[in-house]
Amino acid sequence: MDLSFLIPGKIRRQVLQYFVENPDVQVHIRGLARELGASPQQIYQELLNMEGWGLLFSSSQGNQRVFRVNKKFPLLPPIEDLFRSLKEENSRSYDIVQTFDLKER
């Protein structure tokens, strides 16, 4: 299962997952683009969107802009829970106890 039904943009899902898994990190646009294998323009647009929502903060460090999670964002805990649940679901294994041949039935 993945979150494409809920969060249709692949880059948005990747950026959200990155910040959920790394809540204490400060990252610049090109570094995150390298990390996620996406173009800096795509990453920048999503970072601006998330900053507009209040999920992220940005600041200047030298000539670069860095982004970090706003830990007081009210929807952060449910977003973290959603990604944690998805990770648990995807890591779950199932044992096949019995199979049936539908042609015989």
C-alpha atoms as a PDB file:
ATOM      1  CA  MET A   1       0.000   0.000   0.000  1.00  0.00           C
ATOM      2  CA  ASP A   2       1.161   3.532  -0.621  1.00  0.00           C
ATOM      3  CA  LEU A   3      -0.190   7.020  -0.092  1.00  0.00           C
ATOM      4  CA  SER A   4      -0.788   7.881  -3.758  1.00  0.00           C
ATOM      5  CA  PHE A   5      -4.561   7.781  -3.213  1.00  0.00           C
ATOM      6  CA  LEU A   6      -4.254  10.384  -0.456  1.00  0.00           C
ATOM      7  CA  ILE A   7      -1.217  12.426  -1.555  1.00  0.00           C
ATOM      8  CA  PRO A   8      -1.123  12.185  -5.352  1.00  0.00           C
ATOM      9  CA  GLY A   9       2.206  13.968  -5.935  1.00  0.00           C
ATOM     10  CA  LYS A  10       5.218  11.644  -5.764  1.00  0.00           C
ATOM     11  CA  ILE A  11       7.621  14.471  -4.878  1.00  0.00           C
ATOM     12  CA  ARG A  12       5.271  15.735  -2.150  1.00  0.00           C
ATOM     13  CA  ARG A  13       5.102  12.246  -0.611  1.00  0.00           C
ATOM     14  CA  GLN A  14       8.892  11.941  -0.733  1.00  0.00           C
ATOM     15  CA  VAL A  15       9.465  15.348   0.867  1.00  0.00           C
ATOM     16  CA  LEU A  16       6.888  14.678   3.585  1.00  0.00           C
ATOM     17  CA  GLN A  17       8.399  11.288   4.307  1.00  0.00           C
ATOM     18  CA  TYR A  18      11.898  12.791   4.453  1.00  0.00           C
ATOM     19  CA  PHE A  19      10.888  15.345   7.080  1.00  0.00           C
ATOM     20  CA  VAL A  20       8.846  12.805   9.069  1.00  0.00           C
ATOM     21  CA  GLU A  21      11.847  10.473   9.202  1.00  0.00           C
ATOM     22  CA  ASN A  22      14.303  13.338   9.882  1.00  0.00           C
ATOM     23  CA  PRO A  23      12.429  15.835  12.074  1.00  0.00           C
ATOM     24  CA  ASP A  24      15.553  17.500  13.494  1.00  0.00           C
ATOM     25  CA  VAL A  25      17.399  18.074  10.232  1.00  0.00           C
ATOM     26  CA  GLN A  26      17.906  21.358   8.407  1.00  0.00           C
ATOM     27  CA  VAL A  27      18.285  20.797   4.692  1.00  0.00           C
ATOM     28  CA  HIS A  28      18.956  23.001   1.691  1.00  0.00           C
ATOM     29  CA  ILE A  29      17.173  22.616  -1.622  1.00  0.00           C
ATOM     30  CA  ARG A  30      19.974  21.036  -3.652  1.00  0.00           C
ATOM     31  CA  GLY A  31      20.904  18.632  -0.862  1.00  0.00           C
ATOM     32  CA  LEU A  32      17.332  17.409  -0.572  1.00  0.00           C
ATOM     33  CA  ALA A  33      17.024  17.150  -4.352  1.00  0.00           C
ATOM     34  CA  ARG A  34      20.151  14.950  -4.431  1.00  0.00           C
ATOM     35  CA  GLU A  35      18.860  12.862  -1.535  1.00  0.00           C
ATOM     36  CA  LEU A  36      15.485  12.250  -3.210  1.00  0.00           C
ATOM     37  CA  GLY A  37      16.714  12.024  -6.805  1.00  0.00           C
ATOM     38  CA  ALA A  38      14.501  14.880  -8.007  1.00  0.00           C
ATOM     39  CA  SER A  39      15.117  18.220  -9.653  1.00  0.00           C
ATOM     40  CA  PRO A  40      15.810  21.205  -7.400  1.00  0.00           C
ATOM     41  CA  GLN A  41      12.878  23.048  -9.020  1.00  0.00           C
ATOM     42  CA  GLN A  42      10.404  20.317  -8.044  1.00  0.00           C
ATOM     43  CA  ILE A  43      11.783  20.172  -4.517  1.00  0.00           C
ATOM     44  CA  TYR A  44      11.768  23.956  -4.163  1.00  0.00           C
ATOM     45  CA  GLN A  45       8.110  24.165  -5.184  1.00  0.00           C
ATOM     46  CA  GLU A  46       7.065  21.552  -2.628  1.00  0.00           C
ATOM     47  CA  LEU A  47       9.162  23.171   0.102  1.00  0.00           C
ATOM     48  CA  LEU A  48       7.489  26.513  -0.612  1.00  0.00           C
ATOM     49  CA  ASN A  49       4.055  24.860  -0.480  1.00  0.00           C
ATOM     50  CA  MET A  50       4.826  23.211   2.850  1.00  0.00           C
ATOM     51  CA  GLU A  51       6.250  26.424   4.235  1.00  0.00           C
ATOM     52  CA  GLY A  52       3.050  28.182   3.168  1.00  0.00           C
ATOM     53  CA  TRP A  53       0.986  25.621   5.086  1.00  0.00           C
ATOM     54  CA  GLY A  54       3.117  26.188   8.172  1.00  0.00           C
ATOM     55  CA  LEU A  55       4.643  22.700   8.189  1.00  0.00           C
ATOM     56  CA  LEU A  56       8.159  24.006   7.490  1.00  0.00           C
ATOM     57  CA  PHE A  57      10.276  27.004   8.432  1.00  0.00           C
ATOM     58  CA  SER A  58      13.064  28.393   6.299  1.00  0.00           C
ATOM     59  CA  SER A  59      16.056  30.585   7.021  1.00  0.00           C
ATOM     60  CA  SER A  60      19.151  31.769   5.212  1.00  0.00           C
ATOM     61  CA  GLN A  61      22.534  30.253   5.881  1.00  0.00           C
ATOM     62  CA  GLY A  62      25.051  32.151   3.828  1.00  0.00           C
ATOM     63  CA  ASN A  63      23.721  32.187   0.290  1.00  0.00           C
ATOM     64  CA  GLN A  64      21.531  29.100   0.780  1.00  0.00           C
ATOM     65  CA  ARG A  65      18.032  28.703   2.117  1.00  0.00           C
ATOM     66  CA  VAL A  66      17.530  25.849   4.583  1.00  0.00           C
ATOM     67  CA  PHE A  67      14.253  24.260   5.636  1.00  0.00           C
ATOM     68  CA  ARG A  68      13.272  22.484   8.844  1.00  0.00           C
ATOM     69  CA  VAL A  69      10.091  21.098  10.399  1.00  0.00           C
ATOM     70  CA  ASN A  70       7.807  23.333  12.441  1.00  0.00           C
ATOM     71  CA  LYS A  71       7.285  21.002  15.405  1.00  0.00           C
ATOM     72  CA  LYS A  72       4.309  23.091  16.546  1.00  0.00           C
ATOM     73  CA  PHE A  73       2.400  22.475  13.318  1.00  0.00           C
ATOM     74  CA  PRO A  74      -0.968  21.065  14.488  1.00  0.00           C
ATOM     75  CA  LEU A  75      -1.179  18.352  11.825  1.00  0.00           C
ATOM     76  CA  LEU A  76       2.366  17.058  12.328  1.00  0.00           C
ATOM     77  CA  PRO A  77       1.406  14.252  14.772  1.00  0.00           C
ATOM     78  CA  PRO A  78      -1.279  12.793  12.449  1.00  0.00           C
ATOM     79  CA  ILE A  79       1.103  13.010   9.471  1.00  0.00           C
ATOM     80  CA  GLU A  80       3.783  11.202  11.476  1.00  0.00           C
ATOM     81  CA  ASP A  81       1.250   8.549  12.537  1.00  0.00           C
ATOM     82  CA  LEU A  82       0.146   8.062   8.941  1.00  0.00           C
ATOM     83  CA  PHE A  83       3.692   7.486   7.686  1.00  0.00           C
ATOM     84  CA  ARG A  84       4.530   5.258  10.682  1.00  0.00           C
ATOM     85  CA  SER A  85       1.427   3.124  10.081  1.00  0.00           C
ATOM     86  CA  LEU A  86       2.239   2.826   6.406  1.00  0.00           C
ATOM     87  CA  LYS A  87       5.800   1.754   7.172  1.00  0.00           C
ATOM     88  CA  GLU A  88       4.540  -0.888   9.617  1.00  0.00           C
ATOM     89  CA  GLU A  89       1.977  -2.133   7.107  1.00  0.00           C
ATOM     90  CA  ASN A  90       4.554  -2.396   4.321  1.00  0.00           C
ATOM     91  CA  SER A  91       7.017  -4.264   6.549  1.00  0.00           C
ATOM     92  CA  ARG A  92       4.415  -6.772   7.734  1.00  0.00           C
ATOM     93  CA  SER A  93       4.767 -10.264   6.341  1.00  0.00           C
ATOM     94  CA  TYR A  94       2.024 -12.766   5.845  1.00  0.00           C
ATOM     95  CA  ASP A  95       2.198 -16.539   6.012  1.00  0.00           C
ATOM     96  CA  ILE A  96       0.181 -18.466   3.480  1.00  0.00           C
ATOM     97  CA  VAL A  97      -1.402 -21.297   5.394  1.00  0.00           C
ATOM     98  CA  GLN A  98      -3.379 -22.960   2.633  1.00  0.00           C
ATOM     99  CA  THR A  99      -4.070 -22.430  -1.037  1.00  0.00           C
ATOM    100  CA  PHE A 100      -6.997 -23.619  -3.111  1.00  0.00           C
ATOM    101  CA  ASP A 101      -7.283 -24.544  -6.740  1.00  0.00           C
ATOM    102  CA  LEU A 102     -10.411 -22.762  -7.912  1.00  0.00           C
ATOM    103  CA  LYS A 103     -10.777 -25.097 -10.899  1.00  0.00           C
ATOM    104  CA  GLU A 104     -11.306 -28.027  -8.535  1.00  0.00           C
ATOM    105  CA  ARG A 105     -13.945 -26.200  -6.500  1.00  0.00           C
END
